[in-house]
């Protein structure tokens, strides 16, 4: 089967466009702002602290035994998870002290998702 010169030129243009495009760079969102993926902090001791009203006020994670803990302020709509399951504040308080991960904004350093691992 012969490929016409026109089809070959079009295929070449598509390949050049794909190879030249910045793969992995921040892609703009519909409003024009670039999407910046969250950063992650994984540790051996993940704790949440709440106000008297039961609202998460801080997320603290110690990334290794002997490491100093890192503290994050939570995003107002912070997502709490036990593995893949969404949980509430009570379950997060009960899971505090175990291993887990905090996904946080690279720009604001606010905790976006708090994931507790099973004990």
PDB file of N, CA and C in Angstrom:
ATOM      1  N   UNK A   1       0.845  -1.176   0.000  1.00  0.00           N
ATOM      2  CA  UNK A   1       0.000   0.000   0.000  1.00  0.00           C
ATOM      3  C   UNK A   1       0.887   1.234   0.000  1.00  0.00           C
ATOM      4  N   UNK A   2       0.604   2.174  -0.900  1.00  0.00           N
ATOM      5  CA  UNK A   2       1.384   3.393  -1.023  1.00  0.00           C
ATOM      6  C   UNK A   2       0.722   4.511  -0.236  1.00  0.00           C
ATOM      7  N   UNK A   3       1.559   5.277   0.432  1.00  0.00           N
ATOM      8  CA  UNK A   3       1.062   6.462   1.128  1.00  0.00           C
ATOM      9  C   UNK A   3       1.380   7.654   0.245  1.00  0.00           C
ATOM     10  N   UNK A   4       0.358   8.440  -0.013  1.00  0.00           N
ATOM     11  CA  UNK A   4       0.584   9.596  -0.877  1.00  0.00           C
ATOM     12  C   UNK A   4       1.478  10.610  -0.175  1.00  0.00           C
ATOM     13  N   UNK A   5       2.138  11.445  -0.954  1.00  0.00           N
ATOM     14  CA  UNK A   5       3.025  12.456  -0.394  1.00  0.00           C
ATOM     15  C   UNK A   5       2.260  13.414   0.521  1.00  0.00           C
ATOM     16  N   UNK A   6       1.018  13.693   0.183  1.00  0.00           N
ATOM     17  CA  UNK A   6       0.210  14.610   0.984  1.00  0.00           C
ATOM     18  C   UNK A   6      -0.077  14.006   2.358  1.00  0.00           C
ATOM     19  N   UNK A   7      -0.437  12.711   2.388  1.00  0.00           N
ATOM     20  CA  UNK A   7      -0.702  12.041   3.654  1.00  0.00           C
ATOM     21  C   UNK A   7       0.571  11.938   4.480  1.00  0.00           C
ATOM     22  N   UNK A   8       1.684  11.681   3.814  1.00  0.00           N
ATOM     23  CA  UNK A   8       2.964  11.574   4.502  1.00  0.00           C
ATOM     24  C   UNK A   8       3.361  12.921   5.115  1.00  0.00           C
ATOM     25  N   UNK A   9       3.136  14.006   4.397  1.00  0.00           N
ATOM     26  CA  UNK A   9       3.451  15.342   4.910  1.00  0.00           C
ATOM     27  C   UNK A   9       2.564  15.674   6.103  1.00  0.00           C
ATOM     28  N   UNK A  10       1.288  15.315   6.026  1.00  0.00           N
ATOM     29  CA  UNK A  10       0.368  15.570   7.134  1.00  0.00           C
ATOM     30  C   UNK A  10       0.772  14.766   8.363  1.00  0.00           C
ATOM     31  N   UNK A  11       1.142  13.505   8.147  1.00  0.00           N
ATOM     32  CA  UNK A  11       1.585  12.657   9.250  1.00  0.00           C
ATOM     33  C   UNK A  11       2.847  13.237   9.887  1.00  0.00           C
ATOM     34  N   UNK A  12       3.770  13.721   9.056  1.00  0.00           N
ATOM     35  CA  UNK A  12       4.996  14.339   9.564  1.00  0.00           C
ATOM     36  C   UNK A  12       4.706  15.578  10.395  1.00  0.00           C
ATOM     37  N   UNK A  13       3.751  16.387   9.948  1.00  0.00           N
ATOM     38  CA  UNK A  13       3.384  17.603  10.675  1.00  0.00           C
ATOM     39  C   UNK A  13       2.785  17.257  12.041  1.00  0.00           C
ATOM     40  N   UNK A  14       1.963  16.220  12.070  1.00  0.00           N
ATOM     41  CA  UNK A  14       1.357  15.790  13.339  1.00  0.00           C
ATOM     42  C   UNK A  14       2.440  15.288  14.287  1.00  0.00           C
ATOM     43  N   UNK A  15       3.364  14.471  13.805  1.00  0.00           N
ATOM     44  CA  UNK A  15       4.443  13.961  14.650  1.00  0.00           C
ATOM     45  C   UNK A  15       5.318  15.080  15.194  1.00  0.00           C
ATOM     46  N   UNK A  16       5.645  16.049  14.358  1.00  0.00           N
ATOM     47  CA  UNK A  16       6.457  17.184  14.811  1.00  0.00           C
ATOM     48  C   UNK A  16       5.702  17.968  15.876  1.00  0.00           C
ATOM     49  N   UNK A  17       4.419  18.193  15.668  1.00  0.00           N
ATOM     50  CA  UNK A  17       3.624  18.931  16.654  1.00  0.00           C
ATOM     51  C   UNK A  17       3.572  18.184  17.980  1.00  0.00           C
ATOM     52  N   UNK A  18       3.409  16.862  17.940  1.00  0.00           N
ATOM     53  CA  UNK A  18       3.368  16.075  19.167  1.00  0.00           C
ATOM     54  C   UNK A  18       4.713  16.087  19.889  1.00  0.00           C
ATOM     55  N   UNK A  19       5.787  15.929  19.147  1.00  0.00           N
ATOM     56  CA  UNK A  19       7.104  15.899  19.771  1.00  0.00           C
ATOM     57  C   UNK A  19       7.531  17.267  20.279  1.00  0.00           C
ATOM     58  N   UNK A  20       7.090  18.322  19.625  1.00  0.00           N
ATOM     59  CA  UNK A  20       7.487  19.667  20.008  1.00  0.00           C
ATOM     60  C   UNK A  20       6.658  20.201  21.164  1.00  0.00           C
ATOM     61  N   UNK A  21       5.428  19.704  21.358  1.00  0.00           N
ATOM     62  CA  UNK A  21       4.557  20.239  22.402  1.00  0.00           C
ATOM     63  C   UNK A  21       5.142  19.943  23.774  1.00  0.00           C
ATOM     64  N   UNK A  22       4.963  20.856  24.714  1.00  0.00           N
ATOM     65  CA  UNK A  22       5.532  20.671  26.058  1.00  0.00           C
ATOM     66  C   UNK A  22       4.723  19.660  26.867  1.00  0.00           C
ATOM     67  N   UNK A  23       5.116  18.416  26.801  1.00  0.00           N
ATOM     68  CA  UNK A  23       4.430  17.358  27.529  1.00  0.00           C
ATOM     69  C   UNK A  23       4.770  17.505  29.003  1.00  0.00           C
ATOM     70  N   UNK A  24       3.756  17.395  29.860  1.00  0.00           N
ATOM     71  CA  UNK A  24       3.982  17.461  31.291  1.00  0.00           C
ATOM     72  C   UNK A  24       3.995  18.871  31.848  1.00  0.00           C
ATOM     73  N   UNK A  25       3.894  19.886  31.009  1.00  0.00           N
ATOM     74  CA  UNK A  25       3.856  21.240  31.550  1.00  0.00           C
ATOM     75  C   UNK A  25       2.442  21.548  32.012  1.00  0.00           C
ATOM     76  N   UNK A  26       2.313  22.578  32.818  1.00  0.00           N
ATOM     77  CA  UNK A  26       1.017  22.961  33.340  1.00  0.00           C
ATOM     78  C   UNK A  26       0.109  23.364  32.188  1.00  0.00           C
ATOM     79  N   UNK A  27      -1.026  22.743  32.091  1.00  0.00           N
ATOM     80  CA  UNK A  27      -1.992  23.050  31.052  1.00  0.00           C
ATOM     81  C   UNK A  27      -3.017  24.043  31.601  1.00  0.00           C
ATOM     82  N   UNK A  28      -3.453  25.008  30.809  1.00  0.00           N
ATOM     83  CA  UNK A  28      -4.389  25.989  31.329  1.00  0.00           C
ATOM     84  C   UNK A  28      -5.764  25.380  31.593  1.00  0.00           C
ATOM     85  N   UNK A  29      -6.414  25.904  32.638  1.00  0.00           N
ATOM     86  CA  UNK A  29      -7.786  25.544  32.950  1.00  0.00           C
ATOM     87  C   UNK A  29      -8.704  26.415  32.113  1.00  0.00           C
ATOM     88  N   UNK A  30     -10.006  26.110  32.080  1.00  0.00           N
ATOM     89  CA  UNK A  30     -10.915  26.898  31.250  1.00  0.00           C
ATOM     90  C   UNK A  30     -10.842  28.406  31.496  1.00  0.00           C
ATOM     91  N   UNK A  31     -10.554  28.852  32.719  1.00  0.00           N
ATOM     92  CA  UNK A  31     -10.460  30.280  33.006  1.00  0.00           C
ATOM     93  C   UNK A  31      -9.140  30.891  32.598  1.00  0.00           C
ATOM     94  N   UNK A  32      -8.220  30.093  32.072  1.00  0.00           N
ATOM     95  CA  UNK A  32      -6.937  30.591  31.645  1.00  0.00           C
ATOM     96  C   UNK A  32      -5.826  30.373  32.659  1.00  0.00           C
ATOM     97  N   UNK A  33      -6.175  30.045  33.904  1.00  0.00           N
ATOM     98  CA  UNK A  33      -5.149  29.815  34.927  1.00  0.00           C
ATOM     99  C   UNK A  33      -4.515  28.450  34.707  1.00  0.00           C
ATOM    100  N   UNK A  34      -3.213  28.324  34.906  1.00  0.00           N
ATOM    101  CA  UNK A  34      -2.566  27.019  34.728  1.00  0.00           C
ATOM    102  C   UNK A  34      -2.930  26.074  35.866  1.00  0.00           C
ATOM    103  N   UNK A  35      -3.041  24.809  35.546  1.00  0.00           N
ATOM    104  CA  UNK A  35      -3.291  23.786  36.567  1.00  0.00           C
ATOM    105  C   UNK A  35      -1.961  23.399  37.186  1.00  0.00           C
ATOM    106  N   UNK A  36      -1.894  23.467  38.500  1.00  0.00           N
ATOM    107  CA  UNK A  36      -0.681  23.072  39.216  1.00  0.00           C
ATOM    108  C   UNK A  36      -1.056  21.878  40.082  1.00  0.00           C
ATOM    109  N   UNK A  37      -0.492  20.702  39.823  1.00  0.00           N
ATOM    110  CA  UNK A  37      -0.849  19.516  40.599  1.00  0.00           C
ATOM    111  C   UNK A  37      -0.403  19.653  42.046  1.00  0.00           C
ATOM    112  N   UNK A  38      -1.087  18.963  42.972  1.00  0.00           N
ATOM    113  CA  UNK A  38      -0.711  19.071  44.380  1.00  0.00           C
ATOM    114  C   UNK A  38       0.615  18.381  44.675  1.00  0.00           C
ATOM    115  N   UNK A  39       1.233  18.812  45.756  1.00  0.00           N
ATOM    116  CA  UNK A  39       2.445  18.192  46.274  1.00  0.00           C
ATOM    117  C   UNK A  39       2.008  17.188  47.338  1.00  0.00           C
ATOM    118  N   UNK A  40       2.891  16.290  47.742  1.00  0.00           N
ATOM    119  CA  UNK A  40       2.543  15.285  48.736  1.00  0.00           C
ATOM    120  C   UNK A  40       3.600  15.216  49.830  1.00  0.00           C
ATOM    121  N   UNK A  41       3.121  15.023  51.047  1.00  0.00           N
ATOM    122  CA  UNK A  41       3.992  14.741  52.186  1.00  0.00           C
ATOM    123  C   UNK A  41       3.485  13.436  52.781  1.00  0.00           C
ATOM    124  N   UNK A  42       4.349  12.433  52.842  1.00  0.00           N
ATOM    125  CA  UNK A  42       3.972  11.123  53.358  1.00  0.00           C
ATOM    126  C   UNK A  42       4.736  10.895  54.650  1.00  0.00           C
ATOM    127  N   UNK A  43       4.069  10.332  55.649  1.00  0.00           N
ATOM    128  CA  UNK A  43       4.760  10.183  56.908  1.00  0.00           C
ATOM    129  C   UNK A  43       4.276   9.052  57.785  1.00  0.00           C
ATOM    130  N   UNK A  44       5.001   8.909  58.903  1.00  0.00           N
ATOM    131  CA  UNK A  44       4.729   7.833  59.854  1.00  0.00           C
ATOM    132  C   UNK A  44       3.737   8.248  60.925  1.00  0.00           C
ATOM    133  N   UNK A  45       3.494   9.567  61.049  1.00  0.00           N
ATOM    134  CA  UNK A  45       2.571  10.054  62.070  1.00  0.00           C
ATOM    135  C   UNK A  45       1.780  11.221  61.493  1.00  0.00           C
ATOM    136  N   UNK A  46       0.508  10.997  61.246  1.00  0.00           N
ATOM    137  CA  UNK A  46      -0.379  12.007  60.672  1.00  0.00           C
ATOM    138  C   UNK A  46      -1.461  12.320  61.687  1.00  0.00           C
ATOM    139  N   UNK A  47      -1.613  13.596  62.009  1.00  0.00           N
ATOM    140  CA  UNK A  47      -2.597  14.013  63.005  1.00  0.00           C
ATOM    141  C   UNK A  47      -3.392  15.203  62.495  1.00  0.00           C
ATOM    142  N   UNK A  48      -4.661  15.234  62.860  1.00  0.00           N
ATOM    143  CA  UNK A  48      -5.487  16.401  62.595  1.00  0.00           C
ATOM    144  C   UNK A  48      -5.890  17.000  63.934  1.00  0.00           C
ATOM    145  N   UNK A  49      -6.019  18.315  63.956  1.00  0.00           N
ATOM    146  CA  UNK A  49      -6.495  19.008  65.151  1.00  0.00           C
ATOM    147  C   UNK A  49      -7.761  19.756  64.776  1.00  0.00           C
ATOM    148  N   UNK A  50      -8.710  19.802  65.703  1.00  0.00           N
ATOM    149  CA  UNK A  50      -9.992  20.447  65.440  1.00  0.00           C
ATOM    150  C   UNK A  50     -10.255  21.553  66.445  1.00  0.00           C
ATOM    151  N   UNK A  51     -11.144  22.428  66.053  1.00  0.00           N
ATOM    152  CA  UNK A  51     -11.631  23.465  66.970  1.00  0.00           C
ATOM    153  C   UNK A  51     -12.690  22.846  67.861  1.00  0.00           C
ATOM    154  N   UNK A  52     -13.190  23.613  68.825  1.00  0.00           N
ATOM    155  CA  UNK A  52     -14.274  23.132  69.685  1.00  0.00           C
ATOM    156  C   UNK A  52     -15.531  22.816  68.874  1.00  0.00           C
ATOM    157  N   UNK A  53     -15.662  23.463  67.722  1.00  0.00           N
ATOM    158  CA  UNK A  53     -16.826  23.237  66.862  1.00  0.00           C
ATOM    159  C   UNK A  53     -16.655  22.010  65.962  1.00  0.00           C
ATOM    160  N   UNK A  54     -15.506  21.332  66.055  1.00  0.00           N
ATOM    161  CA  UNK A  54     -15.291  20.137  65.244  1.00  0.00           C
ATOM    162  C   UNK A  54     -14.791  20.412  63.841  1.00  0.00           C
ATOM    163  N   UNK A  55     -14.229  21.585  63.607  1.00  0.00           N
ATOM    164  CA  UNK A  55     -13.694  21.959  62.301  1.00  0.00           C
ATOM    165  C   UNK A  55     -12.186  21.715  62.322  1.00  0.00           C
ATOM    166  N   UNK A  56     -11.670  21.110  61.258  1.00  0.00           N
ATOM    167  CA  UNK A  56     -10.230  20.855  61.162  1.00  0.00           C
ATOM    168  C   UNK A  56      -9.510  22.203  61.097  1.00  0.00           C
ATOM    169  N   UNK A  57      -8.545  22.410  62.014  1.00  0.00           N
ATOM    170  CA  UNK A  57      -7.790  23.662  62.035  1.00  0.00           C
ATOM    171  C   UNK A  57      -6.328  23.473  61.657  1.00  0.00           C
ATOM    172  N   UNK A  58      -5.821  22.250  61.760  1.00  0.00           N
ATOM    173  CA  UNK A  58      -4.450  22.004  61.323  1.00  0.00           C
ATOM    174  C   UNK A  58      -4.249  20.527  61.029  1.00  0.00           C
ATOM    175  N   UNK A  59      -3.273  20.275  60.174  1.00  0.00           N
ATOM    176  CA  UNK A  59      -2.869  18.917  59.802  1.00  0.00           C
ATOM    177  C   UNK A  59      -1.368  18.853  60.040  1.00  0.00           C
ATOM    178  N   UNK A  60      -0.952  17.885  60.826  1.00  0.00           N
ATOM    179  CA  UNK A  60       0.465  17.761  61.185  1.00  0.00           C
ATOM    180  C   UNK A  60       0.966  16.378  60.772  1.00  0.00           C
ATOM    181  N   UNK A  61       2.109  16.353  60.090  1.00  0.00           N
ATOM    182  CA  UNK A  61       2.663  15.084  59.639  1.00  0.00           C
ATOM    183  C   UNK A  61       4.160  15.032  59.955  1.00  0.00           C
ATOM    184  N   UNK A  62       4.579  13.896  60.486  1.00  0.00           N
ATOM    185  CA  UNK A  62       5.990  13.632  60.729  1.00  0.00           C
ATOM    186  C   UNK A  62       6.426  12.624  59.679  1.00  0.00           C
ATOM    187  N   UNK A  63       7.344  13.034  58.822  1.00  0.00           N
ATOM    188  CA  UNK A  63       7.683  12.226  57.658  1.00  0.00           C
ATOM    189  C   UNK A  63       8.588  11.036  57.963  1.00  0.00           C
ATOM    190  N   UNK A  64       9.302  11.064  59.067  1.00  0.00           N
ATOM    191  CA  UNK A  64      10.129   9.917  59.448  1.00  0.00           C
ATOM    192  C   UNK A  64      10.364   9.952  60.950  1.00  0.00           C
ATOM    193  N   UNK A  65      10.734   8.816  61.524  1.00  0.00           N
ATOM    194  CA  UNK A  65      11.089   8.785  62.937  1.00  0.00           C
ATOM    195  C   UNK A  65      12.291   9.696  63.142  1.00  0.00           C
ATOM    196  N   UNK A  66      12.178  10.626  64.067  1.00  0.00           N
ATOM    197  CA  UNK A  66      13.258  11.565  64.316  1.00  0.00           C
ATOM    198  C   UNK A  66      13.169  12.850  63.512  1.00  0.00           C
ATOM    199  N   UNK A  67      12.300  12.908  62.516  1.00  0.00           N
ATOM    200  CA  UNK A  67      12.121  14.132  61.721  1.00  0.00           C
ATOM    201  C   UNK A  67      11.236  15.120  62.485  1.00  0.00           C
ATOM    202  N   UNK A  68      11.432  16.393  62.216  1.00  0.00           N
ATOM    203  CA  UNK A  68      10.544  17.401  62.769  1.00  0.00           C
ATOM    204  C   UNK A  68       9.220  17.362  62.012  1.00  0.00           C
ATOM    205  N   UNK A  69       8.105  17.527  62.702  1.00  0.00           N
ATOM    206  CA  UNK A  69       6.811  17.500  62.007  1.00  0.00           C
ATOM    207  C   UNK A  69       6.600  18.747  61.157  1.00  0.00           C
ATOM    208  N   UNK A  70       5.785  18.585  60.124  1.00  0.00           N
ATOM    209  CA  UNK A  70       5.344  19.701  59.275  1.00  0.00           C
ATOM    210  C   UNK A  70       3.875  19.938  59.571  1.00  0.00           C
ATOM    211  N   UNK A  71       3.492  21.194  59.658  1.00  0.00           N
ATOM    212  CA  UNK A  71       2.100  21.536  59.939  1.00  0.00           C
ATOM    213  C   UNK A  71       1.531  22.312  58.761  1.00  0.00           C
ATOM    214  N   UNK A  72       0.334  21.917  58.358  1.00  0.00           N
ATOM    215  CA  UNK A  72      -0.376  22.574  57.261  1.00  0.00           C
ATOM    216  C   UNK A  72      -1.701  23.111  57.778  1.00  0.00           C
ATOM    217  N   UNK A  73      -2.097  24.259  57.280  1.00  0.00           N
ATOM    218  CA  UNK A  73      -3.457  24.726  57.489  1.00  0.00           C
ATOM    219  C   UNK A  73      -4.313  24.020  56.455  1.00  0.00           C
ATOM    220  N   UNK A  74      -5.548  23.675  56.801  1.00  0.00           N
ATOM    221  CA  UNK A  74      -6.393  22.977  55.827  1.00  0.00           C
ATOM    222  C   UNK A  74      -7.129  23.951  54.910  1.00  0.00           C
ATOM    223  N   UNK A  75      -7.353  23.509  53.695  1.00  0.00           N
ATOM    224  CA  UNK A  75      -8.246  24.220  52.794  1.00  0.00           C
ATOM    225  C   UNK A  75      -9.642  24.131  53.412  1.00  0.00           C
ATOM    226  N   UNK A  76     -10.514  25.113  53.256  1.00  0.00           N
ATOM    227  CA  UNK A  76     -11.839  25.045  53.886  1.00  0.00           C
ATOM    228  C   UNK A  76     -12.620  23.769  53.560  1.00  0.00           C
ATOM    229  N   UNK A  77     -12.426  23.226  52.365  1.00  0.00           N
ATOM    230  CA  UNK A  77     -13.150  22.005  51.983  1.00  0.00           C
ATOM    231  C   UNK A  77     -12.196  20.812  51.943  1.00  0.00           C
ATOM    232  N   UNK A  78     -11.276  20.737  52.915  1.00  0.00           N
ATOM    233  CA  UNK A  78     -10.296  19.657  52.946  1.00  0.00           C
ATOM    234  C   UNK A  78     -11.004  18.308  52.905  1.00  0.00           C
ATOM    235  N   UNK A  79     -10.452  17.386  52.128  1.00  0.00           N
ATOM    236  CA  UNK A  79     -11.029  16.051  51.960  1.00  0.00           C
ATOM    237  C   UNK A  79     -10.302  15.092  52.895  1.00  0.00           C
ATOM    238  N   UNK A  80     -11.051  14.331  53.669  1.00  0.00           N
ATOM    239  CA  UNK A  80     -10.483  13.359  54.602  1.00  0.00           C
ATOM    240  C   UNK A  80     -10.773  11.964  54.079  1.00  0.00           C
ATOM    241  N   UNK A  81      -9.748  11.100  54.092  1.00  0.00           N
ATOM    242  CA  UNK A  81      -9.904   9.750  53.557  1.00  0.00           C
ATOM    243  C   UNK A  81      -9.195   8.741  54.449  1.00  0.00           C
ATOM    244  N   UNK A  82      -9.762   7.559  54.495  1.00  0.00           N
ATOM    245  CA  UNK A  82      -9.104   6.381  55.070  1.00  0.00           C
ATOM    246  C   UNK A  82      -8.911   5.458  53.875  1.00  0.00           C
ATOM    247  N   UNK A  83      -7.700   5.408  53.351  1.00  0.00           N
ATOM    248  CA  UNK A  83      -7.466   4.710  52.085  1.00  0.00           C
ATOM    249  C   UNK A  83      -8.208   5.454  50.993  1.00  0.00           C
ATOM    250  N   UNK A  84      -9.077   4.761  50.288  1.00  0.00           N
ATOM    251  CA  UNK A  84      -9.849   5.386  49.210  1.00  0.00           C
ATOM    252  C   UNK A  84     -11.219   5.873  49.672  1.00  0.00           C
ATOM    253  N   UNK A  85     -11.591   5.571  50.905  1.00  0.00           N
ATOM    254  CA  UNK A  85     -12.919   5.883  51.424  1.00  0.00           C
ATOM    255  C   UNK A  85     -12.954   7.271  52.062  1.00  0.00           C
ATOM    256  N   UNK A  86     -13.942   8.077  51.681  1.00  0.00           N
ATOM    257  CA  UNK A  86     -14.155   9.377  52.316  1.00  0.00           C
ATOM    258  C   UNK A  86     -14.609   9.157  53.753  1.00  0.00           C
ATOM    259  N   UNK A  87     -14.057   9.942  54.686  1.00  0.00           N
ATOM    260  CA  UNK A  87     -14.443   9.819  56.088  1.00  0.00           C
ATOM    261  C   UNK A  87     -14.768  11.197  56.641  1.00  0.00           C
ATOM    262  N   UNK A  88     -15.356  11.206  57.827  1.00  0.00           N
ATOM    263  CA  UNK A  88     -15.676  12.452  58.492  1.00  0.00           C
ATOM    264  C   UNK A  88     -14.614  12.816  59.514  1.00  0.00           C
ATOM    265  N   UNK A  89     -14.845  13.930  60.186  1.00  0.00           N
ATOM    266  CA  UNK A  89     -13.892  14.437  61.158  1.00  0.00           C
ATOM    267  C   UNK A  89     -13.698  13.453  62.309  1.00  0.00           C
ATOM    268  N   UNK A  90     -14.768  12.844  62.801  1.00  0.00           N
ATOM    269  CA  UNK A  90     -14.642  11.887  63.916  1.00  0.00           C
ATOM    270  C   UNK A  90     -13.732  10.711  63.554  1.00  0.00           C
ATOM    271  N   UNK A  91     -13.934  10.151  62.360  1.00  0.00           N
ATOM    272  CA  UNK A  91     -13.085   9.042  61.934  1.00  0.00           C
ATOM    273  C   UNK A  91     -11.635   9.499  61.753  1.00  0.00           C
ATOM    274  N   UNK A  92     -11.432  10.737  61.277  1.00  0.00           N
ATOM    275  CA  UNK A  92     -10.077  11.264  61.112  1.00  0.00           C
ATOM    276  C   UNK A  92      -9.402  11.426  62.467  1.00  0.00           C
ATOM    277  N   UNK A  93     -10.146  11.901  63.460  1.00  0.00           N
ATOM    278  CA  UNK A  93      -9.580  12.025  64.804  1.00  0.00           C
ATOM    279  C   UNK A  93      -9.215  10.663  65.373  1.00  0.00           C
ATOM    280  N   UNK A  94     -10.053   9.665  65.097  1.00  0.00           N
ATOM    281  CA  UNK A  94      -9.773   8.309  65.577  1.00  0.00           C
ATOM    282  C   UNK A  94      -8.551   7.713  64.879  1.00  0.00           C
ATOM    283  N   UNK A  95      -8.329   8.075  63.617  1.00  0.00           N
ATOM    284  CA  UNK A  95      -7.196   7.542  62.849  1.00  0.00           C
ATOM    285  C   UNK A  95      -5.907   8.320  63.091  1.00  0.00           C
ATOM    286  N   UNK A  96      -6.005   9.482  63.716  1.00  0.00           N
ATOM    287  CA  UNK A  96      -4.820  10.307  63.967  1.00  0.00           C
ATOM    288  C   UNK A  96      -3.754   9.532  64.730  1.00  0.00           C
ATOM    289  N   UNK A  97      -2.516   9.775  64.344  1.00  0.00           N
ATOM    290  CA  UNK A  97      -1.400   9.109  64.992  1.00  0.00           C
ATOM    291  C   UNK A  97      -0.792   8.001  64.159  1.00  0.00           C
ATOM    292  N   UNK A  98      -1.474   7.608  63.107  1.00  0.00           N
ATOM    293  CA  UNK A  98      -0.952   6.563  62.230  1.00  0.00           C
ATOM    294  C   UNK A  98      -0.280   7.160  61.010  1.00  0.00           C
ATOM    295  N   UNK A  99       0.145   6.295  60.118  1.00  0.00           N
ATOM    296  CA  UNK A  99       0.805   6.722  58.880  1.00  0.00           C
ATOM    297  C   UNK A  99      -0.205   7.301  57.906  1.00  0.00           C
ATOM    298  N   UNK A 100       0.276   8.142  57.013  1.00  0.00           N
ATOM    299  CA  UNK A 100      -0.621   8.719  56.021  1.00  0.00           C
ATOM    300  C   UNK A 100       0.082   9.670  55.081  1.00  0.00           C
ATOM    301  N   UNK A 101      -0.727  10.361  54.293  1.00  0.00           N
ATOM    302  CA  UNK A 101      -0.245  11.298  53.287  1.00  0.00           C
ATOM    303  C   UNK A 101      -1.088  12.557  53.319  1.00  0.00           C
ATOM    304  N   UNK A 102      -0.436  13.684  53.102  1.00  0.00           N
ATOM    305  CA  UNK A 102      -1.124  14.965  52.951  1.00  0.00           C
ATOM    306  C   UNK A 102      -0.837  15.463  51.544  1.00  0.00           C
ATOM    307  N   UNK A 103      -1.877  15.696  50.767  1.00  0.00           N
ATOM    308  CA  UNK A 103      -1.732  16.342  49.464  1.00  0.00           C
ATOM    309  C   UNK A 103      -2.002  17.817  49.695  1.00  0.00           C
ATOM    310  N   UNK A 104      -1.057  18.672  49.292  1.00  0.00           N
ATOM    311  CA  UNK A 104      -1.204  20.090  49.566  1.00  0.00           C
ATOM    312  C   UNK A 104      -0.878  20.908  48.322  1.00  0.00           C
ATOM    313  N   UNK A 105      -1.397  22.121  48.300  1.00  0.00           N
ATOM    314  CA  UNK A 105      -1.188  23.018  47.174  1.00  0.00           C
ATOM    315  C   UNK A 105       0.251  23.512  47.175  1.00  0.00           C
ATOM    316  N   UNK A 106       0.891  23.432  46.025  1.00  0.00           N
ATOM    317  CA  UNK A 106       2.261  23.927  45.891  1.00  0.00           C
ATOM    318  C   UNK A 106       2.298  25.446  46.005  1.00  0.00           C
ATOM    319  N   UNK A 107       1.204  26.099  45.671  1.00  0.00           N
ATOM    320  CA  UNK A 107       1.156  27.562  45.697  1.00  0.00           C
ATOM    321  C   UNK A 107       0.821  28.109  47.078  1.00  0.00           C
ATOM    322  N   UNK A 108      -0.186  27.527  47.730  1.00  0.00           N
ATOM    323  CA  UNK A 108      -0.659  28.065  49.006  1.00  0.00           C
ATOM    324  C   UNK A 108      -0.181  27.263  50.208  1.00  0.00           C
ATOM    325  N   UNK A 109       0.276  26.057  49.981  1.00  0.00           N
ATOM    326  CA  UNK A 109       0.663  25.100  51.022  1.00  0.00           C
ATOM    327  C   UNK A 109      -0.487  24.768  51.975  1.00  0.00           C
ATOM    328  N   UNK A 110      -1.718  24.864  51.480  1.00  0.00           N
ATOM    329  CA  UNK A 110      -2.882  24.432  52.242  1.00  0.00           C
ATOM    330  C   UNK A 110      -3.131  22.953  51.981  1.00  0.00           C
ATOM    331  N   UNK A 111      -3.463  22.206  53.027  1.00  0.00           N
ATOM    332  CA  UNK A 111      -3.790  20.790  52.876  1.00  0.00           C
ATOM    333  C   UNK A 111      -5.094  20.663  52.102  1.00  0.00           C
ATOM    334  N   UNK A 112      -5.069  19.862  51.033  1.00  0.00           N
ATOM    335  CA  UNK A 112      -6.249  19.651  50.198  1.00  0.00           C
ATOM    336  C   UNK A 112      -6.892  18.300  50.472  1.00  0.00           C
ATOM    337  N   UNK A 113      -6.058  17.263  50.643  1.00  0.00           N
ATOM    338  CA  UNK A 113      -6.534  15.906  50.903  1.00  0.00           C
ATOM    339  C   UNK A 113      -5.659  15.301  51.989  1.00  0.00           C
ATOM    340  N   UNK A 114      -6.298  14.692  52.993  1.00  0.00           N
ATOM    341  CA  UNK A 114      -5.596  14.005  54.068  1.00  0.00           C
ATOM    342  C   UNK A 114      -5.984  12.533  53.990  1.00  0.00           C
ATOM    343  N   UNK A 115      -4.989  11.667  53.808  1.00  0.00           N
ATOM    344  CA  UNK A 115      -5.246  10.239  53.620  1.00  0.00           C
ATOM    345  C   UNK A 115      -4.598   9.452  54.748  1.00  0.00           C
ATOM    346  N   UNK A 116      -5.412   8.768  55.530  1.00  0.00           N
ATOM    347  CA  UNK A 116      -4.906   7.903  56.604  1.00  0.00           C
ATOM    348  C   UNK A 116      -4.788   6.494  56.069  1.00  0.00           C
ATOM    349  N   UNK A 117      -3.688   5.800  56.426  1.00  0.00           N
ATOM    350  CA  UNK A 117      -3.506   4.404  56.075  1.00  0.00           C
ATOM    351  C   UNK A 117      -4.023   3.564  57.221  1.00  0.00           C
ATOM    352  N   UNK A 118      -4.335   2.318  56.953  1.00  0.00           N
ATOM    353  CA  UNK A 118      -4.786   1.413  58.010  1.00  0.00           C
ATOM    354  C   UNK A 118      -3.684   1.128  59.014  1.00  0.00           C
ATOM    355  N   UNK A 119      -4.083   0.852  60.222  1.00  0.00           N
ATOM    356  CA  UNK A 119      -3.102   0.543  61.278  1.00  0.00           C
ATOM    357  C   UNK A 119      -2.837  -0.921  61.336  1.00  0.00           C
TER     358      UNK A 119
END
